[in-house]
């Protein structure tokens, strides 16, 4: 998952930035980001629903990512943030 994210991020950065401004002429990046936000909202709802319905304690994805060894892929994915908490705040995911 993180490897795929890093590959997509590199491709999007080429489309978005050329050193002087944004290159994207069809707003494809913004459309893609909005689409992913909607997809992840649905995934999160299904995930939380699954674990709450089975009377199992919630298991935060954050815990899985923080325990990931080696954390090279995670660190690459959350750039420029240093920690996962910083990344959550950067993305507006406080308490999500």
C-alpha atoms as a PDB file:
ATOM      1  CA  UNK A   1       0.000   0.000   0.000  1.00  0.00           C
ATOM      2  CA  UNK A   2       2.670   2.511   1.000  1.00  0.00           C
ATOM      3  CA  UNK A   3       4.832   1.645  -2.010  1.00  0.00           C
ATOM      4  CA  UNK A   4       1.871   2.303  -4.312  1.00  0.00           C
ATOM      5  CA  UNK A   5       1.130   5.567  -2.514  1.00  0.00           C
ATOM      6  CA  UNK A   6       4.718   6.722  -2.987  1.00  0.00           C
ATOM      7  CA  UNK A   7       4.631   5.883  -6.711  1.00  0.00           C
ATOM      8  CA  UNK A   8       1.352   7.753  -7.190  1.00  0.00           C
ATOM      9  CA  UNK A   9       2.654  10.699  -5.175  1.00  0.00           C
ATOM     10  CA  UNK A  10       5.699  11.022  -7.447  1.00  0.00           C
ATOM     11  CA  UNK A  11       3.512  10.976 -10.561  1.00  0.00           C
ATOM     12  CA  UNK A  12       1.127  13.560  -9.128  1.00  0.00           C
ATOM     13  CA  UNK A  13       3.953  15.860  -8.072  1.00  0.00           C
ATOM     14  CA  UNK A  14       5.215  15.928 -11.662  1.00  0.00           C
ATOM     15  CA  UNK A  15       1.756  16.915 -12.823  1.00  0.00           C
ATOM     16  CA  UNK A  16       1.235  19.511 -10.114  1.00  0.00           C
ATOM     17  CA  UNK A  17       4.535  21.345  -9.789  1.00  0.00           C
ATOM     18  CA  UNK A  18       7.121  22.487 -12.282  1.00  0.00           C
ATOM     19  CA  UNK A  19       9.115  24.765  -9.976  1.00  0.00           C
ATOM     20  CA  UNK A  20       7.205  27.892 -10.940  1.00  0.00           C
ATOM     21  CA  UNK A  21       3.622  26.818 -10.359  1.00  0.00           C
ATOM     22  CA  UNK A  22       1.121  24.165 -11.222  1.00  0.00           C
ATOM     23  CA  UNK A  23       1.169  22.455 -14.608  1.00  0.00           C
ATOM     24  CA  UNK A  24      -2.106  20.574 -14.332  1.00  0.00           C
ATOM     25  CA  UNK A  25      -4.443  22.130 -16.875  1.00  0.00           C
ATOM     26  CA  UNK A  26      -7.530  19.973 -16.352  1.00  0.00           C
ATOM     27  CA  UNK A  27      -7.642  20.017 -12.542  1.00  0.00           C
ATOM     28  CA  UNK A  28      -7.106  16.254 -12.693  1.00  0.00           C
ATOM     29  CA  UNK A  29      -5.157  16.237  -9.432  1.00  0.00           C
ATOM     30  CA  UNK A  30      -7.899  18.028  -7.510  1.00  0.00           C
ATOM     31  CA  UNK A  31     -10.521  15.674  -8.959  1.00  0.00           C
ATOM     32  CA  UNK A  32      -8.397  12.655  -8.060  1.00  0.00           C
ATOM     33  CA  UNK A  33      -7.841  13.929  -4.506  1.00  0.00           C
ATOM     34  CA  UNK A  34     -11.562  14.544  -4.010  1.00  0.00           C
ATOM     35  CA  UNK A  35     -12.343  11.081  -5.359  1.00  0.00           C
ATOM     36  CA  UNK A  36      -9.841   9.488  -2.965  1.00  0.00           C
ATOM     37  CA  UNK A  37     -11.256  11.452  -0.015  1.00  0.00           C
ATOM     38  CA  UNK A  38     -14.712  10.067  -0.775  1.00  0.00           C
ATOM     39  CA  UNK A  39     -13.349   6.532  -1.219  1.00  0.00           C
ATOM     40  CA  UNK A  40     -11.409   6.658   2.049  1.00  0.00           C
ATOM     41  CA  UNK A  41     -14.401   8.048   3.923  1.00  0.00           C
ATOM     42  CA  UNK A  42     -16.418   5.005   2.796  1.00  0.00           C
ATOM     43  CA  UNK A  43     -13.562   2.635   3.650  1.00  0.00           C
ATOM     44  CA  UNK A  44     -13.219   4.168   7.115  1.00  0.00           C
ATOM     45  CA  UNK A  45     -16.967   3.882   7.750  1.00  0.00           C
ATOM     46  CA  UNK A  46     -16.991   0.229   6.662  1.00  0.00           C
ATOM     47  CA  UNK A  47     -13.897  -0.530   8.745  1.00  0.00           C
ATOM     48  CA  UNK A  48     -15.331   1.040  11.890  1.00  0.00           C
ATOM     49  CA  UNK A  49     -18.700  -0.607  11.305  1.00  0.00           C
ATOM     50  CA  UNK A  50     -17.073  -4.036  10.892  1.00  0.00           C
ATOM     51  CA  UNK A  51     -15.202  -3.875  14.172  1.00  0.00           C
ATOM     52  CA  UNK A  52     -17.994  -2.290  16.190  1.00  0.00           C
ATOM     53  CA  UNK A  53     -20.513  -4.883  14.971  1.00  0.00           C
ATOM     54  CA  UNK A  54     -18.266  -7.752  16.035  1.00  0.00           C
ATOM     55  CA  UNK A  55     -17.853  -6.347  19.562  1.00  0.00           C
ATOM     56  CA  UNK A  56     -14.134  -6.145  18.952  1.00  0.00           C
ATOM     57  CA  UNK A  57     -12.082  -3.207  20.185  1.00  0.00           C
ATOM     58  CA  UNK A  58     -11.228  -0.583  17.607  1.00  0.00           C
ATOM     59  CA  UNK A  59      -7.757  -1.102  16.195  1.00  0.00           C
ATOM     60  CA  UNK A  60      -6.357   2.105  14.830  1.00  0.00           C
ATOM     61  CA  UNK A  61      -4.455   2.071  11.566  1.00  0.00           C
ATOM     62  CA  UNK A  62      -2.077   4.508  13.263  1.00  0.00           C
ATOM     63  CA  UNK A  63      -0.908   1.737  15.609  1.00  0.00           C
ATOM     64  CA  UNK A  64      -0.178  -0.570  12.679  1.00  0.00           C
ATOM     65  CA  UNK A  65       1.776   2.119  10.845  1.00  0.00           C
ATOM     66  CA  UNK A  66       3.756   3.160  13.915  1.00  0.00           C
ATOM     67  CA  UNK A  67       4.775  -0.454  14.552  1.00  0.00           C
ATOM     68  CA  UNK A  68       5.777  -1.005  10.916  1.00  0.00           C
ATOM     69  CA  UNK A  69       9.416  -2.061  10.602  1.00  0.00           C
ATOM     70  CA  UNK A  70      11.294  -0.799   8.751  1.00  0.00           C
ATOM     71  CA  UNK A  71       9.461   2.509   8.572  1.00  0.00           C
ATOM     72  CA  UNK A  72      11.143   3.614   5.351  1.00  0.00           C
ATOM     73  CA  UNK A  73       7.944   3.373   3.289  1.00  0.00           C
ATOM     74  CA  UNK A  74       5.902   5.146   5.974  1.00  0.00           C
ATOM     75  CA  UNK A  75       8.442   7.955   6.277  1.00  0.00           C
ATOM     76  CA  UNK A  76       8.469   8.381   2.496  1.00  0.00           C
ATOM     77  CA  UNK A  77       4.659   8.455   2.399  1.00  0.00           C
ATOM     78  CA  UNK A  78       4.225  11.114   5.098  1.00  0.00           C
ATOM     79  CA  UNK A  79       6.842  13.558   3.805  1.00  0.00           C
ATOM     80  CA  UNK A  80       7.400  16.392   4.684  1.00  0.00           C
ATOM     81  CA  UNK A  81       6.010  15.446   8.120  1.00  0.00           C
ATOM     82  CA  UNK A  82       8.337  13.805  10.630  1.00  0.00           C
ATOM     83  CA  UNK A  83       5.739  11.793  12.596  1.00  0.00           C
ATOM     84  CA  UNK A  84       2.381  10.210  11.847  1.00  0.00           C
ATOM     85  CA  UNK A  85       0.711  12.647  14.282  1.00  0.00           C
ATOM     86  CA  UNK A  86       2.192  15.561  12.325  1.00  0.00           C
ATOM     87  CA  UNK A  87       0.881  13.971   9.118  1.00  0.00           C
ATOM     88  CA  UNK A  88      -2.628  13.630  10.565  1.00  0.00           C
ATOM     89  CA  UNK A  89      -2.626  17.301  11.574  1.00  0.00           C
ATOM     90  CA  UNK A  90      -1.208  18.327   8.179  1.00  0.00           C
ATOM     91  CA  UNK A  91      -3.990  16.470   6.345  1.00  0.00           C
ATOM     92  CA  UNK A  92      -6.750  17.688   8.642  1.00  0.00           C
ATOM     93  CA  UNK A  93      -7.322  14.225  10.090  1.00  0.00           C
ATOM     94  CA  UNK A  94      -7.393  15.270  13.729  1.00  0.00           C
ATOM     95  CA  UNK A  95      -9.169  12.585  15.677  1.00  0.00           C
ATOM     96  CA  UNK A  96     -10.040  10.615  12.555  1.00  0.00           C
END
